[in-house]
C-alpha atoms as a PDB file:
ATOM      1  CA  MET A   1       0.000   0.000   0.000  1.00  0.00           C
ATOM      2  CA  ARG A   2       1.955   3.006  -1.308  1.00  0.00           C
ATOM      3  CA  ARG A   3      -0.707   5.162  -2.977  1.00  0.00           C
ATOM      4  CA  ILE A   4      -4.327   5.996  -2.279  1.00  0.00           C
ATOM      5  CA  THR A   5      -5.234   4.061  -5.435  1.00  0.00           C
ATOM      6  CA  ASP A   6      -3.699   0.946  -3.844  1.00  0.00           C
ATOM      7  CA  ILE A   7      -6.478   0.947  -1.250  1.00  0.00           C
ATOM      8  CA  LYS A   8      -9.122  -1.312  -2.786  1.00  0.00           C
ATOM      9  CA  ASN A   9     -12.087  -3.289  -1.503  1.00  0.00           C
ATOM     10  CA  LYS A  10     -11.409  -2.397   2.135  1.00  0.00           C
ATOM     11  CA  LYS A  11     -13.483  -1.159   5.036  1.00  0.00           C
ATOM     12  CA  VAL A  12     -12.035   2.328   5.472  1.00  0.00           C
ATOM     13  CA  LEU A  13     -12.553   4.757   8.340  1.00  0.00           C
ATOM     14  CA  TYR A  14     -12.069   8.230   6.822  1.00  0.00           C
ATOM     15  CA  ILE A  15     -11.371  11.083   9.252  1.00  0.00           C
ATOM     16  CA  ALA A  16     -10.840  14.780   8.556  1.00  0.00           C
ATOM     17  CA  THR A  17     -11.116  17.970  10.598  1.00  0.00           C
ATOM     18  CA  LYS A  18     -11.684  20.226   7.590  1.00  0.00           C
ATOM     19  CA  ASN A  19     -15.221  20.954   6.367  1.00  0.00           C
ATOM     20  CA  ARG A  20     -16.877  18.189   4.313  1.00  0.00           C
ATOM     21  CA  ASP A  21     -17.040  20.138   1.028  1.00  0.00           C
ATOM     22  CA  TYR A  22     -13.313  20.960   1.043  1.00  0.00           C
ATOM     23  CA  LEU A  23     -11.885  20.043  -2.365  1.00  0.00           C
ATOM     24  CA  ARG A  24      -9.179  17.724  -1.019  1.00  0.00           C
ATOM     25  CA  ILE A  25     -11.684  15.768   1.079  1.00  0.00           C
ATOM     26  CA  THR A  26     -14.216  15.287  -1.720  1.00  0.00           C
ATOM     27  CA  GLN A  27     -11.382  14.167  -4.012  1.00  0.00           C
ATOM     28  CA  GLU A  28     -10.096  11.547  -1.567  1.00  0.00           C
ATOM     29  CA  LEU A  29     -13.543  10.212  -0.739  1.00  0.00           C
ATOM     30  CA  ARG A  30     -14.340   9.907  -4.438  1.00  0.00           C
ATOM     31  CA  ILE A  31     -11.126   7.967  -5.148  1.00  0.00           C
ATOM     32  CA  LEU A  32     -11.626   5.645  -2.195  1.00  0.00           C
ATOM     33  CA  ARG A  33     -15.196   4.827  -3.193  1.00  0.00           C
ATOM     34  CA  GLU A  34     -14.319   4.434  -6.877  1.00  0.00           C
ATOM     35  CA  ASN A  35     -11.817   1.762  -5.793  1.00  0.00           C
ATOM     36  CA  GLY A  36     -14.585  -0.330  -4.263  1.00  0.00           C
ATOM     37  CA  ASN A  37     -13.953   0.576  -0.633  1.00  0.00           C
ATOM     38  CA  ASP A  38     -16.675   0.669   2.004  1.00  0.00           C
ATOM     39  CA  VAL A  39     -16.032   4.100   3.519  1.00  0.00           C
ATOM     40  CA  THR A  40     -17.296   5.345   6.873  1.00  0.00           C
ATOM     41  CA  GLU A  41     -16.849   9.108   7.273  1.00  0.00           C
ATOM     42  CA  ILE A  42     -16.062  11.066  10.400  1.00  0.00           C
ATOM     43  CA  VAL A  43     -16.214  14.548   8.904  1.00  0.00           C
ATOM     44  CA  SER A  44     -18.212  17.583   9.999  1.00  0.00           C
ATOM     45  CA  SER A  45     -19.851  20.206   7.790  1.00  0.00           C
ATOM     46  CA  SER A  46     -19.737  22.891  10.481  1.00  0.00           C
ATOM     47  CA  LYS A  47     -18.102  26.199   9.547  1.00  0.00           C
ATOM     48  CA  SER A  48     -16.514  26.386  13.013  1.00  0.00           C
ATOM     49  CA  TYR A  49     -13.169  24.599  13.398  1.00  0.00           C
ATOM     50  CA  PRO A  50     -13.607  24.045  17.169  1.00  0.00           C
ATOM     51  CA  LYS A  51     -17.033  22.518  16.535  1.00  0.00           C
ATOM     52  CA  ARG A  52     -15.606  20.265  13.823  1.00  0.00           C
ATOM     53  CA  LEU A  53     -12.825  19.109  16.133  1.00  0.00           C
ATOM     54  CA  PHE A  54     -15.285  18.395  18.934  1.00  0.00           C
ATOM     55  CA  TYR A  55     -17.464  16.392  16.533  1.00  0.00           C
ATOM     56  CA  VAL A  56     -14.523  14.335  15.239  1.00  0.00           C
ATOM     57  CA  TYR A  57     -13.092  13.657  18.699  1.00  0.00           C
ATOM     58  CA  LYS A  58     -16.489  12.649  20.092  1.00  0.00           C
ATOM     59  CA  LYS A  59     -17.105  10.246  17.213  1.00  0.00           C
ATOM     60  CA  LEU A  60     -13.633   8.718  17.500  1.00  0.00           C
ATOM     61  CA  LEU A  61     -14.200   7.900  21.160  1.00  0.00           C
ATOM     62  CA  GLY A  62     -16.913   5.462  20.110  1.00  0.00           C
ATOM     63  CA  VAL A  63     -15.039   3.876  17.198  1.00  0.00           C
ATOM     64  CA  LYS A  64     -14.105   0.178  17.312  1.00  0.00           C
ATOM     65  CA  MET A  65     -11.220  -0.479  14.926  1.00  0.00           C
ATOM     66  CA  ARG A  66     -12.162  -4.172  14.644  1.00  0.00           C
ATOM     67  CA  ASP A  67     -14.914  -2.939  12.310  1.00  0.00           C
ATOM     68  CA  PHE A  68     -12.365  -1.550   9.801  1.00  0.00           C
ATOM     69  CA  ASP A  69      -9.397  -2.687   7.739  1.00  0.00           C
ATOM     70  CA  LEU A  70      -7.590   0.656   7.983  1.00  0.00           C
ATOM     71  CA  SER A  71      -8.043   4.358   8.669  1.00  0.00           C
ATOM     72  CA  PHE A  72      -7.351   7.258   6.327  1.00  0.00           C
ATOM     73  CA  VAL A  73      -6.793  10.556   8.152  1.00  0.00           C
ATOM     74  CA  GLY A  74      -7.334  13.458   5.777  1.00  0.00           C
ATOM     75  CA  PHE A  75      -6.619  17.150   6.237  1.00  0.00           C
ATOM     76  CA  ALA A  76      -4.499  17.975   9.328  1.00  0.00           C
ATOM     77  CA  PRO A  77      -3.735  14.492  10.717  1.00  0.00           C
ATOM     78  CA  GLN A  78      -1.571  16.325  13.289  1.00  0.00           C
ATOM     79  CA  LEU A  79      -4.811  17.170  15.105  1.00  0.00           C
ATOM     80  CA  VAL A  80      -5.912  13.521  15.255  1.00  0.00           C
ATOM     81  CA  LEU A  81      -3.033  11.019  15.443  1.00  0.00           C
ATOM     82  CA  PRO A  82      -1.180  12.373  18.504  1.00  0.00           C
ATOM     83  CA  ILE A  83      -4.433  11.912  20.445  1.00  0.00           C
ATOM     84  CA  PHE A  84      -6.024   8.846  18.841  1.00  0.00           C
ATOM     85  CA  GLY A  85      -2.972   7.193  17.298  1.00  0.00           C
ATOM     86  CA  ARG A  86      -2.938   4.303  19.736  1.00  0.00           C
ATOM     87  CA  LYS A  87      -6.554   3.410  18.932  1.00  0.00           C
ATOM     88  CA  LEU A  88      -6.242   3.904  15.159  1.00  0.00           C
ATOM     89  CA  GLY A  89      -2.866   2.155  15.131  1.00  0.00           C
ATOM     90  CA  LYS A  90      -4.520  -1.191  15.788  1.00  0.00           C
ATOM     91  CA  LYS A  91      -4.953  -1.230  11.998  1.00  0.00           C
ATOM     92  CA  PRO A  92      -2.843   0.372   9.200  1.00  0.00           C
ATOM     93  CA  ILE A  93      -2.995   4.177   9.034  1.00  0.00           C
ATOM     94  CA  ALA A  94      -2.873   6.277   5.869  1.00  0.00           C
ATOM     95  CA  THR A  95      -2.611  10.062   6.107  1.00  0.00           C
ATOM     96  CA  ASP A  96      -2.842  13.091   3.875  1.00  0.00           C
ATOM     97  CA  PHE A  97       0.165  15.137   4.968  1.00  0.00           C
ATOM     98  CA  PHE A  98      -1.097  18.119   2.979  1.00  0.00           C
ATOM     99  CA  ILE A  99       0.567  20.710   5.194  1.00  0.00           C
ATOM    100  CA  SER A 100       3.326  20.772   7.783  1.00  0.00           C
ATOM    101  CA  MET A 101       2.429  22.719  10.922  1.00  0.00           C
ATOM    102  CA  TYR A 102       6.128  23.402  11.472  1.00  0.00           C
ATOM    103  CA  ASP A 103       6.720  24.742   7.966  1.00  0.00           C
ATOM    104  CA  THR A 104       3.479  26.748   7.903  1.00  0.00           C
ATOM    105  CA  LEU A 105       3.725  28.379  11.329  1.00  0.00           C
ATOM    106  CA  CYS A 106       7.500  28.894  11.505  1.00  0.00           C
ATOM    107  CA  PHE A 107       8.440  29.766   7.924  1.00  0.00           C
ATOM    108  CA  ASP A 108       5.280  30.620   5.999  1.00  0.00           C
ATOM    109  CA  ARG A 109       3.442  32.750   8.572  1.00  0.00           C
ATOM    110  CA  ASN A 110       6.359  33.448  10.960  1.00  0.00           C
ATOM    111  CA  LYS A 111       4.293  32.797  14.086  1.00  0.00           C
ATOM    112  CA  PHE A 112       7.129  31.043  15.919  1.00  0.00           C
ATOM    113  CA  LYS A 113      10.906  30.826  15.666  1.00  0.00           C
ATOM    114  CA  PRO A 114      11.992  27.358  14.483  1.00  0.00           C
ATOM    115  CA  LYS A 115      14.232  26.880  17.540  1.00  0.00           C
ATOM    116  CA  SER A 116      11.679  28.200  20.037  1.00  0.00           C
ATOM    117  CA  LEU A 117       9.821  25.884  22.392  1.00  0.00           C
ATOM    118  CA  ALA A 118       6.678  26.189  20.262  1.00  0.00           C
ATOM    119  CA  GLY A 119       8.651  25.626  17.074  1.00  0.00           C
ATOM    120  CA  ARG A 120      10.310  22.478  18.419  1.00  0.00           C
ATOM    121  CA  LEU A 121       6.959  21.205  19.719  1.00  0.00           C
ATOM    122  CA  ILE A 122       5.105  21.529  16.425  1.00  0.00           C
ATOM    123  CA  LYS A 123       8.037  19.971  14.575  1.00  0.00           C
ATOM    124  CA  HIS A 124       7.815  17.039  16.988  1.00  0.00           C
ATOM    125  CA  ILE A 125       4.070  16.749  16.297  1.00  0.00           C
ATOM    126  CA  ASP A 126       4.688  16.704  12.530  1.00  0.00           C
ATOM    127  CA  LYS A 127       7.377  14.056  12.909  1.00  0.00           C
ATOM    128  CA  LYS A 128       5.285  11.927  15.263  1.00  0.00           C
ATOM    129  CA  THR A 129       2.280  12.122  12.927  1.00  0.00           C
ATOM    130  CA  LEU A 130       4.320  10.844   9.998  1.00  0.00           C
ATOM    131  CA  ALA A 131       5.985   8.159  12.137  1.00  0.00           C
ATOM    132  CA  MET A 132       2.538   6.720  12.881  1.00  0.00           C
ATOM    133  CA  SER A 133       1.604   6.706   9.184  1.00  0.00           C
ATOM    134  CA  ASP A 134       2.014   3.463   7.266  1.00  0.00           C
ATOM    135  CA  MET A 135       1.399   5.485   4.114  1.00  0.00           C
ATOM    136  CA  ALA A 136       1.241   9.226   3.443  1.00  0.00           C
ATOM    137  CA  VAL A 137       0.190  11.339   0.483  1.00  0.00           C
ATOM    138  CA  CYS A 138       1.168  14.932  -0.228  1.00  0.00           C
ATOM    139  CA  ASP A 139       0.357  17.485  -2.925  1.00  0.00           C
ATOM    140  CA  THR A 140       3.627  17.719  -4.924  1.00  0.00           C
ATOM    141  CA  LYS A 141       6.879  15.816  -5.384  1.00  0.00           C
ATOM    142  CA  ALA A 142       8.756  18.871  -4.131  1.00  0.00           C
ATOM    143  CA  HIS A 143       6.747  18.861  -0.914  1.00  0.00           C
ATOM    144  CA  GLY A 144       7.227  15.120  -0.496  1.00  0.00           C
ATOM    145  CA  ARG A 145      11.003  15.446  -0.710  1.00  0.00           C
ATOM    146  CA  TYR A 146      10.949  18.209   1.888  1.00  0.00           C
ATOM    147  CA  PHE A 147       8.712  16.295   4.301  1.00  0.00           C
ATOM    148  CA  CYS A 148      10.794  13.116   4.056  1.00  0.00           C
ATOM    149  CA  ASN A 149      14.068  15.000   4.576  1.00  0.00           C
ATOM    150  CA  GLU A 150      12.832  17.274   7.369  1.00  0.00           C
ATOM    151  CA  PHE A 151      10.930  14.646   9.364  1.00  0.00           C
ATOM    152  CA  ASP A 152      12.953  11.490   8.573  1.00  0.00           C
ATOM    153  CA  TYR A 153      10.077   9.748   6.826  1.00  0.00           C
ATOM    154  CA  PRO A 154      10.848   6.884   4.416  1.00  0.00           C
ATOM    155  CA  ARG A 155      10.456   8.066   0.826  1.00  0.00           C
ATOM    156  CA  GLU A 156       8.947   4.769  -0.261  1.00  0.00           C
ATOM    157  CA  LYS A 157       5.971   5.454   2.030  1.00  0.00           C
ATOM    158  CA  MET A 158       5.260   8.924   0.563  1.00  0.00           C
ATOM    159  CA  SER A 159       3.316   9.397  -2.670  1.00  0.00           C
ATOM    160  CA  VAL A 160       1.833  12.368  -4.520  1.00  0.00           C
ATOM    161  CA  LEU A 161      -1.856  13.085  -4.997  1.00  0.00           C
ATOM    162  CA  TYR A 162      -2.295  16.213  -7.079  1.00  0.00           C
ATOM    163  CA  LEU A 163      -5.387  18.282  -6.505  1.00  0.00           C
ATOM    164  CA  GLU A 164      -8.290  18.274  -8.944  1.00  0.00           C
ATOM    165  CA  ALA A 165     -10.866  20.975  -9.573  1.00  0.00           C
ATOM    166  CA  ASP A 166     -14.557  20.197  -9.144  1.00  0.00           C
ATOM    167  CA  SER A 167     -15.562  19.640 -12.774  1.00  0.00           C
ATOM    168  CA  SER A 168     -19.250  20.138 -11.983  1.00  0.00           C
ATOM    169  CA  ILE A 169     -18.469  23.799 -11.212  1.00  0.00           C
ATOM    170  CA  TYR A 170     -15.236  24.576 -13.022  1.00  0.00           C
ATOM    171  CA  TYR A 171     -15.414  23.715 -16.721  1.00  0.00           C
ATOM    172  CA  GLN A 172     -14.659  25.464 -19.997  1.00  0.00           C
ATOM    173  CA  ARG A 173     -17.046  28.141 -21.197  1.00  0.00           C
ATOM    174  CA  GLU A 174     -17.142  30.475 -24.190  1.00  0.00           C
ATOM    175  CA  ILE A 175     -14.034  32.593 -24.757  1.00  0.00           C
ATOM    176  CA  PRO A 176     -14.687  36.163 -23.536  1.00  0.00           C
ATOM    177  CA  ASN A 177     -14.707  39.126 -25.901  1.00  0.00           C
ATOM    178  CA  ASN A 178     -13.799  41.945 -23.528  1.00  0.00           C
ATOM    179  CA  GLU A 179     -13.147  45.496 -24.655  1.00  0.00           C
ATOM    180  CA  GLU A 180     -10.475  45.670 -21.981  1.00  0.00           C
ATOM    181  CA  PHE A 181      -7.945  42.879 -21.423  1.00  0.00           C
ATOM    182  CA  THR A 182      -9.088  41.431 -18.065  1.00  0.00           C
ATOM    183  CA  VAL A 183      -6.606  39.865 -15.646  1.00  0.00           C
ATOM    184  CA  LEU A 184      -8.041  37.931 -12.680  1.00  0.00           C
ATOM    185  CA  TYR A 185      -6.620  36.742  -9.382  1.00  0.00           C
ATOM    186  CA  PHE A 186      -8.446  35.077  -6.498  1.00  0.00           C
ATOM    187  CA  GLY A 187      -7.143  33.700  -3.243  1.00  0.00           C
ATOM    188  CA  SER A 188      -7.233  33.700   0.528  1.00  0.00           C
ATOM    189  CA  ILE A 189      -4.435  36.319   0.604  1.00  0.00           C
ATOM    190  CA  LEU A 190      -1.922  34.152   2.480  1.00  0.00           C
ATOM    191  CA  PRO A 191       1.672  35.489   2.549  1.00  0.00           C
ATOM    192  CA  LEU A 192       3.115  32.805   0.265  1.00  0.00           C
ATOM    193  CA  GLN A 193       0.618  33.724  -2.463  1.00  0.00           C
ATOM    194  CA  GLY A 194       2.516  36.976  -3.003  1.00  0.00           C
ATOM    195  CA  VAL A 195      -0.467  39.291  -3.439  1.00  0.00           C
ATOM    196  CA  SER A 196       1.787  42.298  -2.754  1.00  0.00           C
ATOM    197  CA  VAL A 197       3.745  41.357  -5.887  1.00  0.00           C
ATOM    198  CA  ILE A 198       0.506  41.442  -7.890  1.00  0.00           C
ATOM    199  CA  LEU A 199      -0.510  44.811  -6.424  1.00  0.00           C
ATOM    200  CA  ASP A 200       2.932  46.250  -7.153  1.00  0.00           C
ATOM    201  CA  ALA A 201       2.617  45.017 -10.745  1.00  0.00           C
ATOM    202  CA  ILE A 202      -0.775  46.738 -11.015  1.00  0.00           C
ATOM    203  CA  ASP A 203       0.852  49.964  -9.804  1.00  0.00           C
ATOM    204  CA  ILE A 204       3.431  49.657 -12.577  1.00  0.00           C
ATOM    205  CA  LEU A 205       0.670  49.147 -15.166  1.00  0.00           C
ATOM    206  CA  LYS A 206      -1.838  51.667 -13.782  1.00  0.00           C
ATOM    207  CA  ASN A 207      -1.532  53.984 -16.795  1.00  0.00           C
ATOM    208  CA  GLU A 208      -1.754  51.217 -19.356  1.00  0.00           C
ATOM    209  CA  LYS A 209      -4.813  51.612 -21.607  1.00  0.00           C
ATOM    210  CA  GLY A 210      -7.162  48.749 -22.319  1.00  0.00           C
ATOM    211  CA  LEU A 211      -6.190  46.813 -19.184  1.00  0.00           C
ATOM    212  CA  ARG A 212      -8.358  45.801 -16.233  1.00  0.00           C
ATOM    213  CA  PHE A 213      -7.693  43.746 -13.088  1.00  0.00           C
ATOM    214  CA  VAL A 214     -10.146  41.780 -10.923  1.00  0.00           C
ATOM    215  CA  ILE A 215      -8.859  40.823  -7.445  1.00  0.00           C
ATOM    216  CA  ILE A 216     -11.085  38.442  -5.442  1.00  0.00           C
ATOM    217  CA  GLY A 217     -10.233  37.749  -1.821  1.00  0.00           C
ATOM    218  CA  PRO A 218     -10.307  39.160   1.740  1.00  0.00           C
ATOM    219  CA  LEU A 219      -7.814  41.972   1.246  1.00  0.00           C
ATOM    220  CA  GLY A 220      -9.794  44.421   3.362  1.00  0.00           C
ATOM    221  CA  ASP A 221      -9.761  48.175   2.918  1.00  0.00           C
ATOM    222  CA  SER A 222      -6.283  48.501   4.416  1.00  0.00           C
ATOM    223  CA  GLY A 223      -4.803  46.081   1.885  1.00  0.00           C
ATOM    224  CA  ARG A 224      -6.357  47.636  -1.183  1.00  0.00           C
ATOM    225  CA  ARG A 225      -4.614  50.227  -3.301  1.00  0.00           C
ATOM    226  CA  GLU A 226      -6.320  53.010  -5.163  1.00  0.00           C
ATOM    227  CA  SER A 227      -6.484  52.036  -8.806  1.00  0.00           C
ATOM    228  CA  SER A 228      -8.905  53.030 -11.540  1.00  0.00           C
ATOM    229  CA  ILE A 229      -8.148  49.793 -13.426  1.00  0.00           C
ATOM    230  CA  THR A 230      -8.800  47.415 -10.521  1.00  0.00           C
ATOM    231  CA  GLU A 231     -12.036  45.878  -9.226  1.00  0.00           C
ATOM    232  CA  TYR A 232     -11.884  44.396  -5.711  1.00  0.00           C
ATOM    233  CA  ILE A 233     -14.322  41.711  -4.594  1.00  0.00           C
ATOM    234  CA  ASP A 234     -14.190  40.327  -1.043  1.00  0.00           C
ATOM    235  CA  TRP A 235     -15.339  36.812  -1.917  1.00  0.00           C
ATOM    236  CA  LEU A 236     -17.805  34.878  -4.080  1.00  0.00           C
ATOM    237  CA  PRO A 237     -19.673  31.562  -3.904  1.00  0.00           C
ATOM    238  CA  GLN A 238     -18.010  28.954  -6.123  1.00  0.00           C
ATOM    239  CA  ASN A 239     -20.556  29.149  -8.952  1.00  0.00           C
ATOM    240  CA  GLU A 240     -20.194  32.936  -9.161  1.00  0.00           C
ATOM    241  CA  LEU A 241     -16.419  32.637  -8.909  1.00  0.00           C
ATOM    242  CA  ALA A 242     -16.432  30.265 -11.884  1.00  0.00           C
ATOM    243  CA  GLU A 243     -18.383  32.810 -13.932  1.00  0.00           C
ATOM    244  CA  LYS A 244     -15.888  35.552 -13.064  1.00  0.00           C
ATOM    245  CA  ILE A 245     -12.979  33.324 -14.050  1.00  0.00           C
ATOM    246  CA  ALA A 246     -14.695  32.494 -17.333  1.00  0.00           C
ATOM    247  CA  GLN A 247     -14.901  36.206 -18.159  1.00  0.00           C
ATOM    248  CA  ALA A 248     -11.151  36.781 -17.686  1.00  0.00           C
ATOM    249  CA  ASP A 249      -8.613  36.901 -20.519  1.00  0.00           C
ATOM    250  CA  LEU A 250      -5.716  35.935 -18.256  1.00  0.00           C
ATOM    251  CA  CYS A 251      -5.521  34.390 -14.772  1.00  0.00           C
ATOM    252  CA  LEU A 252      -2.773  34.684 -12.162  1.00  0.00           C
ATOM    253  CA  GLY A 253      -1.964  31.374 -10.498  1.00  0.00           C
ATOM    254  CA  GLY A 254       1.233  32.000  -8.542  1.00  0.00           C
ATOM    255  CA  HIS A 255       2.646  31.482  -6.074  1.00  0.00           C
ATOM    256  CA  PHE A 256       4.471  34.798  -6.473  1.00  0.00           C
ATOM    257  CA  ASP A 257       6.211  35.352  -3.128  1.00  0.00           C
ATOM    258  CA  GLY A 258       9.944  35.004  -3.595  1.00  0.00           C
ATOM    259  CA  SER A 259      11.059  34.629   0.023  1.00  0.00           C
ATOM    260  CA  ILE A 260       8.906  31.825   1.484  1.00  0.00           C
ATOM    261  CA  MET A 261      10.323  28.420   0.536  1.00  0.00           C
ATOM    262  CA  LYS A 262       6.927  26.725   0.819  1.00  0.00           C
ATOM    263  CA  ALA A 263       5.797  28.836  -2.160  1.00  0.00           C
ATOM    264  CA  ARG A 264       8.347  26.955  -4.290  1.00  0.00           C
ATOM    265  CA  ARG A 265       7.131  23.528  -3.202  1.00  0.00           C
ATOM    266  CA  THR A 266       3.400  23.926  -3.809  1.00  0.00           C
ATOM    267  CA  ILE A 267       1.037  24.315  -6.736  1.00  0.00           C
ATOM    268  CA  ALA A 268      -1.680  26.834  -5.907  1.00  0.00           C
ATOM    269  CA  GLY A 269      -5.147  25.280  -5.740  1.00  0.00           C
ATOM    270  CA  LYS A 270      -6.472  27.955  -8.097  1.00  0.00           C
ATOM    271  CA  THR A 271      -4.081  26.679 -10.771  1.00  0.00           C
ATOM    272  CA  TYR A 272      -6.052  23.427 -11.040  1.00  0.00           C
ATOM    273  CA  ILE A 273      -9.244  25.441 -11.427  1.00  0.00           C
ATOM    274  CA  TYR A 274      -7.774  27.581 -14.207  1.00  0.00           C
ATOM    275  CA  ARG A 275      -6.556  24.435 -15.976  1.00  0.00           C
ATOM    276  CA  ALA A 276      -9.988  22.781 -15.743  1.00  0.00           C
ATOM    277  CA  MET A 277     -11.524  25.898 -17.288  1.00  0.00           C
ATOM    278  CA  GLY A 278      -8.929  26.135 -20.050  1.00  0.00           C
ATOM    279  CA  LYS A 279      -7.784  29.605 -18.997  1.00  0.00           C
ATOM    280  CA  PRO A 280      -4.458  31.220 -19.948  1.00  0.00           C
ATOM    281  CA  MET A 281      -2.437  31.655 -16.750  1.00  0.00           C
ATOM    282  CA  ILE A 282       0.806  32.934 -15.268  1.00  0.00           C
ATOM    283  CA  LEU A 283       2.593  30.700 -12.753  1.00  0.00           C
ATOM    284  CA  GLY A 284       5.543  31.263 -10.472  1.00  0.00           C
ATOM    285  CA  GLU A 285       8.835  29.845 -11.752  1.00  0.00           C
ATOM    286  CA  ASN A 286       9.328  26.994  -9.285  1.00  0.00           C
ATOM    287  CA  PRO A 287       9.957  23.223  -9.216  1.00  0.00           C
ATOM    288  CA  ALA A 288       6.428  22.331  -8.071  1.00  0.00           C
ATOM    289  CA  ASN A 289       4.681  24.083 -10.978  1.00  0.00           C
ATOM    290  CA  HIS A 290       7.018  22.382 -13.444  1.00  0.00           C
ATOM    291  CA  GLU A 291       5.851  18.981 -12.204  1.00  0.00           C
ATOM    292  CA  LEU A 292       2.598  19.462 -14.139  1.00  0.00           C
ATOM    293  CA  PHE A 293       3.106  22.458 -16.427  1.00  0.00           C
ATOM    294  CA  SER A 294       5.518  23.406 -19.185  1.00  0.00           C
ATOM    295  CA  GLU A 295       6.405  26.415 -21.350  1.00  0.00           C
ATOM    296  CA  THR A 296       5.342  24.329 -24.343  1.00  0.00           C
ATOM    297  CA  ASP A 297       1.720  24.817 -23.260  1.00  0.00           C
ATOM    298  CA  GLU A 298       0.440  27.861 -25.170  1.00  0.00           C
ATOM    299  CA  ASN A 299      -1.789  28.790 -22.217  1.00  0.00           C
ATOM    300  CA  VAL A 300       0.954  28.776 -19.561  1.00  0.00           C
ATOM    301  CA  TRP A 301       3.645  31.356 -18.804  1.00  0.00           C
ATOM    302  CA  PHE A 302       6.195  31.340 -15.984  1.00  0.00           C
ATOM    303  CA  VAL A 303       7.499  34.397 -14.179  1.00  0.00           C
ATOM    304  CA  GLU A 304      10.296  35.032 -11.688  1.00  0.00           C
ATOM    305  CA  MET A 305       8.885  34.833  -8.182  1.00  0.00           C
ATOM    306  CA  GLY A 306       9.050  38.004  -6.115  1.00  0.00           C
ATOM    307  CA  SER A 307       9.452  40.357  -9.100  1.00  0.00           C
ATOM    308  CA  ALA A 308       6.562  42.751  -9.687  1.00  0.00           C
ATOM    309  CA  GLN A 309       8.455  44.273 -12.618  1.00  0.00           C
ATOM    310  CA  LYS A 310       8.798  40.916 -14.390  1.00  0.00           C
ATOM    311  CA  LEU A 311       5.135  40.120 -13.720  1.00  0.00           C
ATOM    312  CA  ALA A 312       4.022  43.496 -15.095  1.00  0.00           C
ATOM    313  CA  GLU A 313       6.168  43.059 -18.210  1.00  0.00           C
ATOM    314  CA  LEU A 314       4.780  39.569 -18.838  1.00  0.00           C
ATOM    315  CA  ILE A 315       1.148  40.675 -18.391  1.00  0.00           C
ATOM    316  CA  LEU A 316       1.714  43.481 -20.890  1.00  0.00           C
ATOM    317  CA  LYS A 317       3.439  41.119 -23.333  1.00  0.00           C
ATOM    318  CA  ILE A 318       0.551  38.627 -23.178  1.00  0.00           C
ATOM    319  CA  LYS A 319      -2.023  41.420 -23.501  1.00  0.00           C
ATOM    320  CA  ASN A 320      -0.374  42.837 -26.601  1.00  0.00           C
ATOM    321  CA  LYS A 321       0.049  39.401 -28.147  1.00  0.00           C
ATOM    322  CA  ARG A 322      -3.517  38.273 -27.428  1.00  0.00           C
ATOM    323  CA  LYS A 323      -5.160  41.552 -28.429  1.00  0.00           C
ATOM    324  CA  GLY A 324      -3.042  41.651 -31.558  1.00  0.00           C
ATOM    325  CA  CYS A 325      -4.238  38.187 -32.538  1.00  0.00           C
ATOM    326  CA  ASP A 326      -7.864  39.178 -31.863  1.00  0.00           C
ATOM    327  CA  GLU A 327      -7.572  42.264 -34.055  1.00  0.00           C
ATOM    328  CA  GLU A 328      -5.994  40.239 -36.883  1.00  0.00           C
ATOM    329  CA  SER A 329      -8.811  37.676 -36.703  1.00  0.00           C
ATOM    330  CA  ASN A 330     -11.369  40.491 -36.984  1.00  0.00           C
END
């Protein structure tokens, strides 16, 4: 058992502390069931993380592992295995090591110093969680190499499960015919996404005619910059988000931050959505993105991470090329 697709015709206890409609969870449950497994879910749909944790912990107290062949602990197994590892460990354990608490809190968000007591504790939790895992999946090869090296986890036990967009929501639509070349970005505005790089690029292009930007995400008034060519939207339901993406001429995938190492090891979730919708997109020049994408794809461009100037120049180049082609076809 090295990959999630190796789990077949088993009685599987699936556990996750993230909300039930989270893309990664629906993907894993679909794969497990498609492989003929009998899956019992311990997953909450509550919007409150504390309530979801309470629900999961309460349910796990009543679980009898003799009823299952194995457990699969989805998003954030660090919140489950250190507490219930002894019970779940009576049968094989598979985990989705989608994020490292140590990497996220110490290097991505800079909440703790790596050598601090808190930093050492969360690194220990990450390492212990993997040590209890008979099999683990992650989101990219680059991330897998990092996790195995940092937490001494055997490489033969780690496999990659790339994300997939929900094809019932995100699918190709008609090509837009905008008067202005529309560039779209959406995200949760985490540091590694490099939104400041995008905003700096917009500042560079603010006097460019025939150009428009749509930024979707919780920037807040303090994070926004005055710009006559930019529309800010706090957030949208997925169906409305898909319509906005469909109307764009170019999408920004990222990650664009040049200082956070995690940004080089991950493929942004939005990138899978853009791909499913057949949208032209700009990606950060990093090893993770090159696992699935190439310059030979006419809809994909790579840009130096951390450089607003390079991003602005590339957006302008694509705009002029695309608009030029449109004018010739007319």
